[in-house]
C-alpha atoms as a PDB file:
ATOM      1  CA  MET A   1     -28.695 -45.496  14.640  1.00  0.00           C
ATOM      2  CA  ALA A   2     -30.411 -42.924  16.859  1.00  0.00           C
ATOM      3  CA  GLY A   3     -27.168 -42.400  18.753  1.00  0.00           C
ATOM      4  CA  LEU A   4     -25.245 -41.962  15.502  1.00  0.00           C
ATOM      5  CA  ALA A   5     -27.759 -39.414  14.220  1.00  0.00           C
ATOM      6  CA  PHE A   6     -27.511 -37.493  17.493  1.00  0.00           C
ATOM      7  CA  GLY A   7     -23.713 -37.511  17.293  1.00  0.00           C
ATOM      8  CA  LEU A   8     -23.693 -36.168  13.750  1.00  0.00           C
ATOM      9  CA  ALA A   9     -26.239 -33.490  14.618  1.00  0.00           C
ATOM     10  CA  ALA A  10     -24.120 -32.405  17.581  1.00  0.00           C
ATOM     11  CA  CYS A  11     -21.233 -31.767  15.151  1.00  0.00           C
ATOM     12  CA  ALA A  12     -23.260 -29.414  12.965  1.00  0.00           C
ATOM     13  CA  TYR A  13     -21.859 -25.906  12.724  1.00  0.00           C
ATOM     14  CA  GLN A  14     -24.116 -23.072  13.856  1.00  0.00           C
ATOM     15  CA  PRO A  15     -23.174 -19.373  13.947  1.00  0.00           C
ATOM     16  CA  ALA A  16     -22.739 -17.832  17.391  1.00  0.00           C
ATOM     17  CA  GLY A  17     -26.056 -16.761  18.868  1.00  0.00           C
ATOM     18  CA  ASN A  18     -28.185 -19.319  17.039  1.00  0.00           C
ATOM     19  CA  GLN A  19     -30.598 -21.474  18.988  1.00  0.00           C
ATOM     20  CA  GLY A  20     -29.988 -25.204  19.302  1.00  0.00           C
ATOM     21  CA  ALA A  21     -27.076 -27.507  20.045  1.00  0.00           C
ATOM     22  CA  GLY A  22     -24.825 -26.561  17.144  1.00  0.00           C
ATOM     23  CA  LEU A  23     -21.153 -25.727  17.684  1.00  0.00           C
ATOM     24  CA  GLY A  24     -18.942 -22.941  16.363  1.00  0.00           C
ATOM     25  CA  ILE A  25     -15.424 -22.754  14.898  1.00  0.00           C
ATOM     26  CA  ASP A  26     -13.746 -20.143  17.109  1.00  0.00           C
ATOM     27  CA  ASN A  27     -12.919 -22.718  19.773  1.00  0.00           C
ATOM     28  CA  PRO A  28     -10.234 -25.075  18.369  1.00  0.00           C
ATOM     29  CA  VAL A  29     -11.747 -28.112  20.097  1.00  0.00           C
ATOM     30  CA  GLU A  30     -15.198 -27.453  18.657  1.00  0.00           C
ATOM     31  CA  ARG A  31     -13.687 -26.625  15.269  1.00  0.00           C
ATOM     32  CA  LYS A  32     -12.206 -30.117  15.019  1.00  0.00           C
ATOM     33  CA  PHE A  33     -15.741 -31.527  14.953  1.00  0.00           C
ATOM     34  CA  THR A  34     -17.492 -28.801  12.951  1.00  0.00           C
ATOM     35  CA  TRP A  35     -15.042 -27.738  10.234  1.00  0.00           C
ATOM     36  CA  TYR A  36     -16.517 -29.939   7.509  1.00  0.00           C
ATOM     37  CA  SER A  37     -20.022 -28.810   8.408  1.00  0.00           C
ATOM     38  CA  TYR A  38     -18.804 -25.213   8.242  1.00  0.00           C
ATOM     39  CA  LEU A  39     -17.332 -25.762   4.774  1.00  0.00           C
ATOM     40  CA  ASP A  40     -20.506 -27.511   3.660  1.00  0.00           C
ATOM     41  CA  ALA A  41     -22.497 -24.385   4.684  1.00  0.00           C
ATOM     42  CA  ALA A  42     -25.598 -26.377   5.594  1.00  0.00           C
ATOM     43  CA  ASP A  43     -26.590 -23.605   8.010  1.00  0.00           C
ATOM     44  CA  ILE A  44     -26.776 -21.162   5.079  1.00  0.00           C
ATOM     45  CA  ARG A  45     -28.346 -23.669   2.696  1.00  0.00           C
ATOM     46  CA  ASN A  46     -31.062 -24.733   5.152  1.00  0.00           C
ATOM     47  CA  SER A  47     -32.026 -21.175   6.061  1.00  0.00           C
ATOM     48  CA  CYS A  48     -31.973 -19.848   2.489  1.00  0.00           C
ATOM     49  CA  ALA A  49     -35.518 -18.789   1.625  1.00  0.00           C
ATOM     50  CA  SER A  50     -37.271 -16.010  -0.239  1.00  0.00           C
ATOM     51  CA  GLY A  51     -37.545 -12.964   1.975  1.00  0.00           C
ATOM     52  CA  GLY A  52     -34.694 -14.104   4.220  1.00  0.00           C
ATOM     53  CA  PRO A  53     -31.337 -12.348   4.625  1.00  0.00           C
ATOM     54  CA  ASP A  54     -28.622 -12.655   1.996  1.00  0.00           C
ATOM     55  CA  GLN A  55     -25.518 -14.428   3.328  1.00  0.00           C
ATOM     56  CA  LEU A  56     -22.027 -15.262   2.098  1.00  0.00           C
ATOM     57  CA  ARG A  57     -19.225 -17.508   3.339  1.00  0.00           C
ATOM     58  CA  LEU A  58     -15.800 -17.425   1.689  1.00  0.00           C
ATOM     59  CA  VAL A  59     -13.041 -19.786   2.850  1.00  0.00           C
ATOM     60  CA  TYR A  60      -9.428 -19.800   1.668  1.00  0.00           C
ATOM     61  CA  ASN A  61      -7.408 -22.967   2.289  1.00  0.00           C
ATOM     62  CA  ALA A  62      -3.672 -22.371   1.824  1.00  0.00           C
ATOM     63  CA  GLN A  63      -2.432 -25.773   2.980  1.00  0.00           C
ATOM     64  CA  PHE A  64      -4.752 -26.274   5.919  1.00  0.00           C
ATOM     65  CA  TYR A  65      -2.209 -26.525   8.730  1.00  0.00           C
ATOM     66  CA  ASP A  66      -0.278 -23.504   7.465  1.00  0.00           C
ATOM     67  CA  HIS A  67      -2.922 -20.914   6.613  1.00  0.00           C
ATOM     68  CA  VAL A  68      -6.714 -20.541   6.582  1.00  0.00           C
ATOM     69  CA  ARG A  69      -8.907 -17.474   6.074  1.00  0.00           C
ATOM     70  CA  ALA A  70     -12.693 -17.409   6.458  1.00  0.00           C
ATOM     71  CA  TYR A  71     -15.195 -14.628   5.851  1.00  0.00           C
ATOM     72  CA  ASP A  72     -18.829 -14.691   6.939  1.00  0.00           C
ATOM     73  CA  LEU A  73     -21.023 -11.876   5.673  1.00  0.00           C
ATOM     74  CA  LEU A  74     -24.611 -11.072   6.547  1.00  0.00           C
ATOM     75  CA  GLY A  75     -26.531  -8.755   4.235  1.00  0.00           C
ATOM     76  CA  GLY A  76     -29.516  -6.539   4.935  1.00  0.00           C
ATOM     77  CA  PRO A  77     -29.728  -2.830   5.766  1.00  0.00           C
ATOM     78  CA  ASN A  78     -26.449  -2.971   7.750  1.00  0.00           C
ATOM     79  CA  PRO A  79     -24.162  -5.588   6.165  1.00  0.00           C
ATOM     80  CA  LEU A  80     -21.482  -7.046   8.432  1.00  0.00           C
ATOM     81  CA  MET A  81     -18.313  -8.980   7.566  1.00  0.00           C
ATOM     82  CA  THR A  82     -16.652 -11.254  10.122  1.00  0.00           C
ATOM     83  CA  ALA A  83     -13.094 -12.176   9.130  1.00  0.00           C
ATOM     84  CA  ARG A  84     -11.054 -15.003  10.633  1.00  0.00           C
ATOM     85  CA  ALA A  85      -7.457 -15.981   9.865  1.00  0.00           C
ATOM     86  CA  ARG A  86      -4.992 -18.508  11.225  1.00  0.00           C
ATOM     87  CA  GLY A  87      -1.317 -19.141  10.501  1.00  0.00           C
ATOM     88  CA  THR A  88       0.587 -22.366  11.167  1.00  0.00           C
ATOM     89  CA  SER A  89      -1.579 -24.537  13.391  1.00  0.00           C
ATOM     90  CA  GLY A  90       0.211 -25.840  16.444  1.00  0.00           C
ATOM     91  CA  ASN A  91       3.044 -23.300  16.351  1.00  0.00           C
ATOM     92  CA  LEU A  92       3.890 -23.310  20.065  1.00  0.00           C
ATOM     93  CA  LEU A  93       5.495 -19.868  19.844  1.00  0.00           C
ATOM     94  CA  GLY A  94       1.934 -18.590  20.220  1.00  0.00           C
ATOM     95  CA  LEU A  95       1.373 -20.481  23.470  1.00  0.00           C
ATOM     96  CA  SER A  96       0.561 -18.536  26.638  1.00  0.00           C
ATOM     97  CA  PHE A  97      -0.310 -19.818  30.108  1.00  0.00           C
ATOM     98  CA  ASP A  98      -2.109 -16.705  31.368  1.00  0.00           C
ATOM     99  CA  SER A  99      -5.588 -17.802  30.208  1.00  0.00           C
ATOM    100  CA  LEU A 100      -7.525 -20.604  28.545  1.00  0.00           C
ATOM    101  CA  GLU A 101      -7.524 -18.571  25.340  1.00  0.00           C
ATOM    102  CA  GLY A 102      -3.760 -18.294  25.623  1.00  0.00           C
ATOM    103  CA  LEU A 103      -3.397 -22.066  25.880  1.00  0.00           C
ATOM    104  CA  PHE A 104      -5.341 -22.379  22.624  1.00  0.00           C
ATOM    105  CA  GLY A 105      -3.284 -19.582  21.042  1.00  0.00           C
ATOM    106  CA  PRO A 106      -1.385 -21.754  18.520  1.00  0.00           C
ATOM    107  CA  TRP A 107      -4.708 -22.993  17.114  1.00  0.00           C
ATOM    108  CA  ASN A 108      -6.926 -19.907  17.485  1.00  0.00           C
ATOM    109  CA  PHE A 109      -8.262 -17.728  14.703  1.00  0.00           C
ATOM    110  CA  ARG A 110      -7.552 -14.025  14.732  1.00  0.00           C
ATOM    111  CA  LYS A 111     -10.912 -12.343  14.284  1.00  0.00           C
ATOM    112  CA  SER A 112     -12.255  -8.960  13.191  1.00  0.00           C
ATOM    113  CA  GLN A 113     -15.624  -7.485  12.251  1.00  0.00           C
ATOM    114  CA  THR A 114     -16.224  -4.748   9.690  1.00  0.00           C
ATOM    115  CA  SER A 115     -19.442  -2.951   8.822  1.00  0.00           C
ATOM    116  CA  LEU A 116     -20.166  -2.609   5.110  1.00  0.00           C
ATOM    117  CA  THR A 117     -22.351  -0.230   3.180  1.00  0.00           C
ATOM    118  CA  ALA A 118     -25.049  -1.410   0.784  1.00  0.00           C
ATOM    119  CA  ALA A 119     -22.810  -0.253  -2.067  1.00  0.00           C
ATOM    120  CA  GLU A 120     -19.900  -2.359  -0.769  1.00  0.00           C
ATOM    121  CA  TRP A 121     -22.148  -5.408  -0.495  1.00  0.00           C
ATOM    122  CA  ALA A 122     -23.279  -4.901  -4.095  1.00  0.00           C
ATOM    123  CA  GLU A 123     -19.641  -4.498  -5.168  1.00  0.00           C
ATOM    124  CA  LEU A 124     -18.660  -7.811  -3.576  1.00  0.00           C
ATOM    125  CA  VAL A 125     -21.592  -9.641  -5.181  1.00  0.00           C
ATOM    126  CA  GLU A 126     -20.573  -8.237  -8.570  1.00  0.00           C
ATOM    127  CA  LEU A 127     -16.953  -9.321  -8.047  1.00  0.00           C
ATOM    128  CA  LEU A 128     -18.188 -12.821  -7.209  1.00  0.00           C
ATOM    129  CA  ARG A 129     -20.246 -12.908 -10.384  1.00  0.00           C
ATOM    130  CA  LYS A 130     -17.223 -11.848 -12.457  1.00  0.00           C
ATOM    131  CA  SER A 131     -15.302 -14.673 -10.788  1.00  0.00           C
ATOM    132  CA  GLY A 132     -17.868 -17.230 -12.000  1.00  0.00           C
ATOM    133  CA  TYR A 133     -19.570 -17.748  -8.656  1.00  0.00           C
ATOM    134  CA  ALA A 134     -23.165 -18.267  -9.837  1.00  0.00           C
ATOM    135  CA  SER A 135     -22.550 -19.154 -13.484  1.00  0.00           C
ATOM    136  CA  THR A 136     -20.288 -22.218 -13.085  1.00  0.00           C
ATOM    137  CA  GLU A 137     -20.199 -25.239 -10.802  1.00  0.00           C
ATOM    138  CA  GLN A 138     -17.473 -27.754 -10.019  1.00  0.00           C
ATOM    139  CA  SER A 139     -19.268 -30.973  -9.048  1.00  0.00           C
ATOM    140  CA  GLY A 140     -16.792 -33.800  -8.497  1.00  0.00           C
ATOM    141  CA  MET A 141     -13.730 -31.612  -7.913  1.00  0.00           C
ATOM    142  CA  ARG A 142     -11.595 -33.205  -5.199  1.00  0.00           C
ATOM    143  CA  LEU A 143      -9.558 -30.869  -3.009  1.00  0.00           C
ATOM    144  CA  HIS A 144      -6.746 -31.993  -0.709  1.00  0.00           C
ATOM    145  CA  SER A 145      -6.016 -30.210   2.557  1.00  0.00           C
ATOM    146  CA  GLN A 146      -2.535 -29.437   1.187  1.00  0.00           C
ATOM    147  CA  ASP A 147      -4.058 -27.666  -1.836  1.00  0.00           C
ATOM    148  CA  PHE A 148      -4.670 -23.952  -2.269  1.00  0.00           C
ATOM    149  CA  TYR A 149      -8.339 -23.271  -2.924  1.00  0.00           C
ATOM    150  CA  TRP A 150     -11.329 -21.037  -2.242  1.00  0.00           C
ATOM    151  CA  LEU A 151     -14.826 -22.237  -1.367  1.00  0.00           C
ATOM    152  CA  VAL A 152     -17.743 -19.796  -1.539  1.00  0.00           C
ATOM    153  CA  ALA A 153     -21.292 -20.482  -0.366  1.00  0.00           C
ATOM    154  CA  GLY A 154     -24.109 -17.983  -0.314  1.00  0.00           C
ATOM    155  CA  CYS A 155     -27.792 -17.251  -0.290  1.00  0.00           C
ATOM    156  CA  GLU A 156     -28.976 -14.501  -2.604  1.00  0.00           C
ATOM    157  CA  ALA A 157     -32.670 -13.612  -2.943  1.00  0.00           C
ATOM    158  CA  GLY A 158     -33.646 -17.046  -1.641  1.00  0.00           C
ATOM    159  CA  LYS A 159     -31.325 -18.992  -3.973  1.00  0.00           C
ATOM    160  CA  PHE A 160     -28.346 -20.976  -2.692  1.00  0.00           C
ATOM    161  CA  HIS A 161     -25.039 -21.068  -4.595  1.00  0.00           C
ATOM    162  CA  PHE A 162     -21.850 -23.037  -3.936  1.00  0.00           C
ATOM    163  CA  ASN A 163     -18.590 -22.973  -5.868  1.00  0.00           C
ATOM    164  CA  ALA A 164     -14.855 -23.640  -5.667  1.00  0.00           C
ATOM    165  CA  TRP A 165     -11.710 -22.144  -7.206  1.00  0.00           C
ATOM    166  CA  ALA A 166      -8.514 -24.180  -7.484  1.00  0.00           C
ATOM    167  CA  GLU A 167      -5.317 -24.114  -9.526  1.00  0.00           C
ATOM    168  CA  ARG A 168      -6.275 -27.025 -11.772  1.00  0.00           C
ATOM    169  CA  SER A 169      -9.853 -25.935 -12.429  1.00  0.00           C
ATOM    170  CA  SER A 170     -10.501 -25.002 -16.063  1.00  0.00           C
ATOM    171  CA  ALA A 171     -13.704 -23.072 -15.315  1.00  0.00           C
ATOM    172  CA  THR A 172     -12.724 -21.423 -12.018  1.00  0.00           C
ATOM    173  CA  PRO A 173      -8.925 -21.287 -11.676  1.00  0.00           C
ATOM    174  CA  LEU A 174      -7.459 -19.222  -8.854  1.00  0.00           C
ATOM    175  CA  THR A 175      -6.397 -16.608 -11.393  1.00  0.00           C
ATOM    176  CA  ARG A 176     -10.069 -15.862 -12.116  1.00  0.00           C
ATOM    177  CA  ILE A 177     -10.768 -14.639  -8.558  1.00  0.00           C
ATOM    178  CA  GLN A 178     -11.595 -10.941  -8.417  1.00  0.00           C
ATOM    179  CA  PHE A 179     -12.843 -10.628  -4.832  1.00  0.00           C
ATOM    180  CA  LEU A 180      -9.538 -11.082  -2.968  1.00  0.00           C
ATOM    181  CA  ASP A 181      -8.507  -7.404  -2.773  1.00  0.00           C
ATOM    182  CA  PHE A 182     -11.984  -6.430  -1.582  1.00  0.00           C
ATOM    183  CA  LEU A 183     -11.737  -8.855   1.351  1.00  0.00           C
ATOM    184  CA  LEU A 184      -8.139  -8.105   2.328  1.00  0.00           C
ATOM    185  CA  LYS A 185      -8.721  -4.330   2.370  1.00  0.00           C
ATOM    186  CA  ARG A 186     -11.461  -4.856   4.967  1.00  0.00           C
ATOM    187  CA  ASP A 187      -9.752  -7.645   6.896  1.00  0.00           C
ATOM    188  CA  ALA A 188      -8.431  -6.340  10.232  1.00  0.00           C
ATOM    189  CA  THR A 189      -7.129  -9.666  11.574  1.00  0.00           C
ATOM    190  CA  GLY A 190      -3.552  -8.514  10.980  1.00  0.00           C
ATOM    191  CA  LEU A 191      -2.413 -11.876   9.581  1.00  0.00           C
ATOM    192  CA  PRO A 192      -0.624 -11.694   6.199  1.00  0.00           C
ATOM    193  CA  TYR A 193      -2.187 -13.460   3.231  1.00  0.00           C
ATOM    194  CA  LYS A 194      -0.338 -16.542   1.993  1.00  0.00           C
ATOM    195  CA  PRO A 195      -0.490 -16.598  -1.835  1.00  0.00           C
ATOM    196  CA  PRO A 196      -1.028 -19.872  -3.726  1.00  0.00           C
ATOM    197  CA  ARG A 197       1.779 -21.874  -5.299  1.00  0.00           C
ATOM    198  CA  PRO A 198       2.032 -25.195  -7.150  1.00  0.00           C
ATOM    199  CA  VAL A 199       1.865 -28.150  -4.733  1.00  0.00           C
ATOM    200  CA  PRO A 200       4.082 -31.148  -5.600  1.00  0.00           C
ATOM    201  CA  TYR A 201       2.650 -34.618  -5.154  1.00  0.00           C
ATOM    202  CA  ILE A 202       5.013 -35.430  -2.269  1.00  0.00           C
ATOM    203  CA  GLU A 203       3.332 -32.811  -0.071  1.00  0.00           C
ATOM    204  CA  LYS A 204       0.018 -34.621  -0.465  1.00  0.00           C
ATOM    205  CA  ALA A 205       1.458 -38.137  -0.226  1.00  0.00           C
ATOM    206  CA  ASP A 206       3.300 -37.470   3.069  1.00  0.00           C
ATOM    207  CA  GLY A 207       0.147 -38.253   5.059  1.00  0.00           C
ATOM    208  CA  GLY A 208       1.404 -36.389   8.104  1.00  0.00           C
ATOM    209  CA  LYS A 209       4.475 -38.618   8.541  1.00  0.00           C
ATOM    210  CA  GLY A 210       6.970 -35.791   8.082  1.00  0.00           C
ATOM    211  CA  ARG A 211       6.732 -32.169   9.173  1.00  0.00           C
ATOM    212  CA  ASP A 212       3.931 -31.442  11.660  1.00  0.00           C
ATOM    213  CA  SER A 213       3.300 -35.185  12.112  1.00  0.00           C
ATOM    214  CA  ASP A 214       2.281 -34.686  15.736  1.00  0.00           C
ATOM    215  CA  TYR A 215      -0.927 -32.881  14.860  1.00  0.00           C
ATOM    216  CA  ARG A 216      -1.435 -33.057  11.112  1.00  0.00           C
ATOM    217  CA  GLY A 217      -4.093 -35.283   9.570  1.00  0.00           C
ATOM    218  CA  ASP A 218      -4.631 -34.685   5.863  1.00  0.00           C
ATOM    219  CA  PHE A 219      -8.132 -34.798   4.421  1.00  0.00           C
ATOM    220  CA  VAL A 220      -9.902 -34.578   1.083  1.00  0.00           C
ATOM    221  CA  ILE A 221     -13.224 -32.915   0.303  1.00  0.00           C
ATOM    222  CA  THR A 222     -15.334 -33.342  -2.829  1.00  0.00           C
ATOM    223  CA  VAL A 223     -17.177 -30.338  -4.195  1.00  0.00           C
ATOM    224  CA  GLN A 224     -20.858 -30.849  -5.013  1.00  0.00           C
ATOM    225  CA  ARG A 225     -23.408 -28.461  -6.489  1.00  0.00           C
ATOM    226  CA  ASP A 226     -24.790 -27.669  -3.044  1.00  0.00           C
ATOM    227  CA  GLY A 227     -21.921 -28.354  -0.621  1.00  0.00           C
ATOM    228  CA  ILE A 228     -19.082 -30.793   0.001  1.00  0.00           C
ATOM    229  CA  GLY A 229     -18.530 -34.450   0.695  1.00  0.00           C
ATOM    230  CA  ARG A 230     -15.616 -35.540   2.826  1.00  0.00           C
ATOM    231  CA  SER A 231     -13.552 -38.513   1.705  1.00  0.00           C
ATOM    232  CA  GLY A 232     -14.645 -41.577   3.678  1.00  0.00           C
ATOM    233  CA  LEU A 233     -18.014 -40.165   4.774  1.00  0.00           C
END
């Protein structure tokens, strides 16, 4: 049991620069073990306290192995947005042998950082509120890796919020999102946004046996009031 607890703790996501044994998501190998922890936002939830910094994490899943965008924002006197985006995972056209980073190219995120003003931070928070971020919650919503969805976690004035937007949600459908333009205008990753579309059942039932079968492993997460649960865990 002690060994199991140590193994799970070693897979906990921690932002770059934090103390401890946590791992990040920029390295594709580490990401494989920390992605669910990153989505769960336990690092934000556990550090959310009165007097602490406001934080936001917004993740867009557009069929996981085709397109992912992630935005981490830290508030305070000098707000900062870190944007990450990845296209088709495992596309060997992005492979290069000139460096270790080049070898990971088909799986790497493109990354950019943008400074925000206090007014821009306030604008984003207001857009989130208009989208239903802190006034609705989607406990029990199950999201497949082949779905299109947004997850948003954040700490505001010592209070943690977590929510999801998906096509079939009655309270927070994708059409209700009002923060997309704000993010894309400040996203310097250079990777085009992949808009949502209806996903037929066959794309979820394939189980990785068809296209991309060499590296695809579908997964399901369950949205809770304060994070996610992964199917089978």
